[in-house]
Amino acid sequence: MPGGNDLSPHLWAITGNIIGSQETNVHLSHCRGMTITGNCIYSCTNRNLLIEDSHHLTLSGNTSAATVGSTGWGFAWNGPTTSR
């Protein structure tokens, strides 16, 4: 943002957690410089991971399990995709 007033979440690590039994287990919105590694993400009713309008993310070494009867793993990316 102009003037250095960027208040978006950035430079965080989510590591080594057991995250589950929520509607959306992990929801990142307008984030940058985030690292999500080594987590067990399971049993969502909607999505295990939802990313919206975020960039410079690292997702690695996570274990994800679909809920029995669900239609998929529950990952969604909403926003532009670019390669630089």
C-alpha atoms as a PDB file:
ATOM      1  CA  MET A   1       0.000   0.000   0.000  1.00  0.00           C
ATOM      2  CA  PRO A   2       1.184   3.551  -0.577  1.00  0.00           C
ATOM      3  CA  GLY A   3       2.960   5.169   2.324  1.00  0.00           C
ATOM      4  CA  GLY A   4       4.070   1.880   3.886  1.00  0.00           C
ATOM      5  CA  ASN A   5       0.691   1.160   5.518  1.00  0.00           C
ATOM      6  CA  ASP A   6       0.437  -2.458   4.359  1.00  0.00           C
ATOM      7  CA  LEU A   7      -1.313  -4.213   7.238  1.00  0.00           C
ATOM      8  CA  SER A   8      -1.815  -7.542   5.453  1.00  0.00           C
ATOM      9  CA  PRO A   9      -0.649 -10.650   7.315  1.00  0.00           C
ATOM     10  CA  HIS A  10       2.856 -11.578   6.192  1.00  0.00           C
ATOM     11  CA  LEU A  11       5.958 -13.546   7.148  1.00  0.00           C
ATOM     12  CA  TRP A  12       4.189 -16.195   9.235  1.00  0.00           C
ATOM     13  CA  ALA A  13       4.824 -19.938   9.539  1.00  0.00           C
ATOM     14  CA  ILE A  14       2.180 -22.532  10.369  1.00  0.00           C
ATOM     15  CA  THR A  15       4.172 -25.658  11.179  1.00  0.00           C
ATOM     16  CA  GLY A  16       3.693 -28.998  12.944  1.00  0.00           C
ATOM     17  CA  ASN A  17       0.009 -28.718  13.854  1.00  0.00           C
ATOM     18  CA  ILE A  18      -3.007 -30.999  13.817  1.00  0.00           C
ATOM     19  CA  ILE A  19      -5.784 -28.898  12.277  1.00  0.00           C
ATOM     20  CA  GLY A  20      -9.245 -30.365  11.803  1.00  0.00           C
ATOM     21  CA  SER A  21     -12.969 -30.603  12.362  1.00  0.00           C
ATOM     22  CA  GLN A  22     -13.762 -27.089  11.121  1.00  0.00           C
ATOM     23  CA  GLU A  23     -15.841 -25.839   8.198  1.00  0.00           C
ATOM     24  CA  THR A  24     -12.649 -24.454   6.608  1.00  0.00           C
ATOM     25  CA  ASN A  25      -9.528 -25.637   8.411  1.00  0.00           C
ATOM     26  CA  VAL A  26      -7.056 -23.032   7.066  1.00  0.00           C
ATOM     27  CA  HIS A  27      -8.243 -19.808   5.391  1.00  0.00           C
ATOM     28  CA  LEU A  28      -5.630 -17.338   4.105  1.00  0.00           C
ATOM     29  CA  SER A  29      -6.883 -14.033   2.705  1.00  0.00           C
ATOM     30  CA  HIS A  30      -4.668 -11.181   1.435  1.00  0.00           C
ATOM     31  CA  CYS A  31      -1.539 -12.807   2.899  1.00  0.00           C
ATOM     32  CA  ARG A  32       2.047 -12.781   1.679  1.00  0.00           C
ATOM     33  CA  GLY A  33       5.195 -14.630   2.637  1.00  0.00           C
ATOM     34  CA  MET A  34       3.394 -17.444   4.436  1.00  0.00           C
ATOM     35  CA  THR A  35       4.811 -20.945   4.977  1.00  0.00           C
ATOM     36  CA  ILE A  36       2.565 -23.915   5.775  1.00  0.00           C
ATOM     37  CA  THR A  37       4.614 -27.078   6.392  1.00  0.00           C
ATOM     38  CA  GLY A  38       4.410 -30.359   8.270  1.00  0.00           C
ATOM     39  CA  ASN A  39       0.776 -30.112   9.365  1.00  0.00           C
ATOM     40  CA  CYS A  40      -1.959 -32.740   9.454  1.00  0.00           C
ATOM     41  CA  ILE A  41      -5.064 -31.085   7.995  1.00  0.00           C
ATOM     42  CA  TYR A  42      -8.191 -33.243   8.137  1.00  0.00           C
ATOM     43  CA  SER A  43     -11.959 -33.553   8.425  1.00  0.00           C
ATOM     44  CA  CYS A  44     -13.356 -30.317   7.031  1.00  0.00           C
ATOM     45  CA  THR A  45     -17.003 -29.786   6.186  1.00  0.00           C
ATOM     46  CA  ASN A  46     -16.178 -27.346   3.370  1.00  0.00           C
ATOM     47  CA  ARG A  47     -12.442 -26.977   2.597  1.00  0.00           C
ATOM     48  CA  ASN A  48      -9.211 -28.044   4.226  1.00  0.00           C
ATOM     49  CA  LEU A  49      -7.367 -25.080   2.706  1.00  0.00           C
ATOM     50  CA  LEU A  50      -8.775 -21.877   1.169  1.00  0.00           C
ATOM     51  CA  ILE A  51      -6.393 -19.254  -0.246  1.00  0.00           C
ATOM     52  CA  GLU A  52      -7.724 -15.912  -1.481  1.00  0.00           C
ATOM     53  CA  ASP A  53      -5.754 -13.058  -3.087  1.00  0.00           C
ATOM     54  CA  SER A  54      -2.451 -14.119  -1.500  1.00  0.00           C
ATOM     55  CA  HIS A  55       1.072 -14.466  -2.853  1.00  0.00           C
ATOM     56  CA  HIS A  56       4.572 -15.746  -2.033  1.00  0.00           C
ATOM     57  CA  LEU A  57       3.260 -18.843  -0.248  1.00  0.00           C
ATOM     58  CA  THR A  58       5.083 -22.086   0.489  1.00  0.00           C
ATOM     59  CA  LEU A  59       3.028 -25.254   1.054  1.00  0.00           C
ATOM     60  CA  SER A  60       5.107 -28.348   1.716  1.00  0.00           C
ATOM     61  CA  GLY A  61       5.033 -31.647   3.569  1.00  0.00           C
ATOM     62  CA  ASN A  62       1.453 -31.402   4.816  1.00  0.00           C
ATOM     63  CA  THR A  63      -0.835 -34.404   5.181  1.00  0.00           C
ATOM     64  CA  SER A  64      -4.439 -33.904   4.166  1.00  0.00           C
ATOM     65  CA  ALA A  65      -7.336 -36.320   4.501  1.00  0.00           C
ATOM     66  CA  ALA A  66     -10.741 -36.000   2.890  1.00  0.00           C
ATOM     67  CA  THR A  67     -13.829 -36.448   5.002  1.00  0.00           C
ATOM     68  CA  VAL A  68     -15.687 -39.686   4.308  1.00  0.00           C
ATOM     69  CA  GLY A  69     -18.424 -38.930   1.791  1.00  0.00           C
ATOM     70  CA  SER A  70     -16.869 -35.650   0.633  1.00  0.00           C
ATOM     71  CA  THR A  71     -16.305 -34.901  -3.038  1.00  0.00           C
ATOM     72  CA  GLY A  72     -12.607 -34.101  -2.803  1.00  0.00           C
ATOM     73  CA  TRP A  73      -9.673 -32.959  -0.707  1.00  0.00           C
ATOM     74  CA  GLY A  74     -11.106 -29.503  -0.086  1.00  0.00           C
ATOM     75  CA  PHE A  75      -8.470 -27.162  -1.550  1.00  0.00           C
ATOM     76  CA  ALA A  76      -9.380 -23.894  -3.254  1.00  0.00           C
ATOM     77  CA  TRP A  77      -7.372 -21.010  -4.662  1.00  0.00           C
ATOM     78  CA  ASN A  78      -9.303 -17.808  -5.388  1.00  0.00           C
ATOM     79  CA  GLY A  79      -7.330 -15.035  -6.991  1.00  0.00           C
ATOM     80  CA  PRO A  80      -4.956 -14.316  -9.815  1.00  0.00           C
ATOM     81  CA  THR A  81      -2.122 -16.680 -10.605  1.00  0.00           C
ATOM     82  CA  THR A  82       1.123 -15.293 -11.957  1.00  0.00           C
ATOM     83  CA  SER A  83       4.594 -16.563 -12.703  1.00  0.00           C
ATOM     84  CA  ARG A  84       7.501 -14.176 -12.191  1.00  0.00           C
END
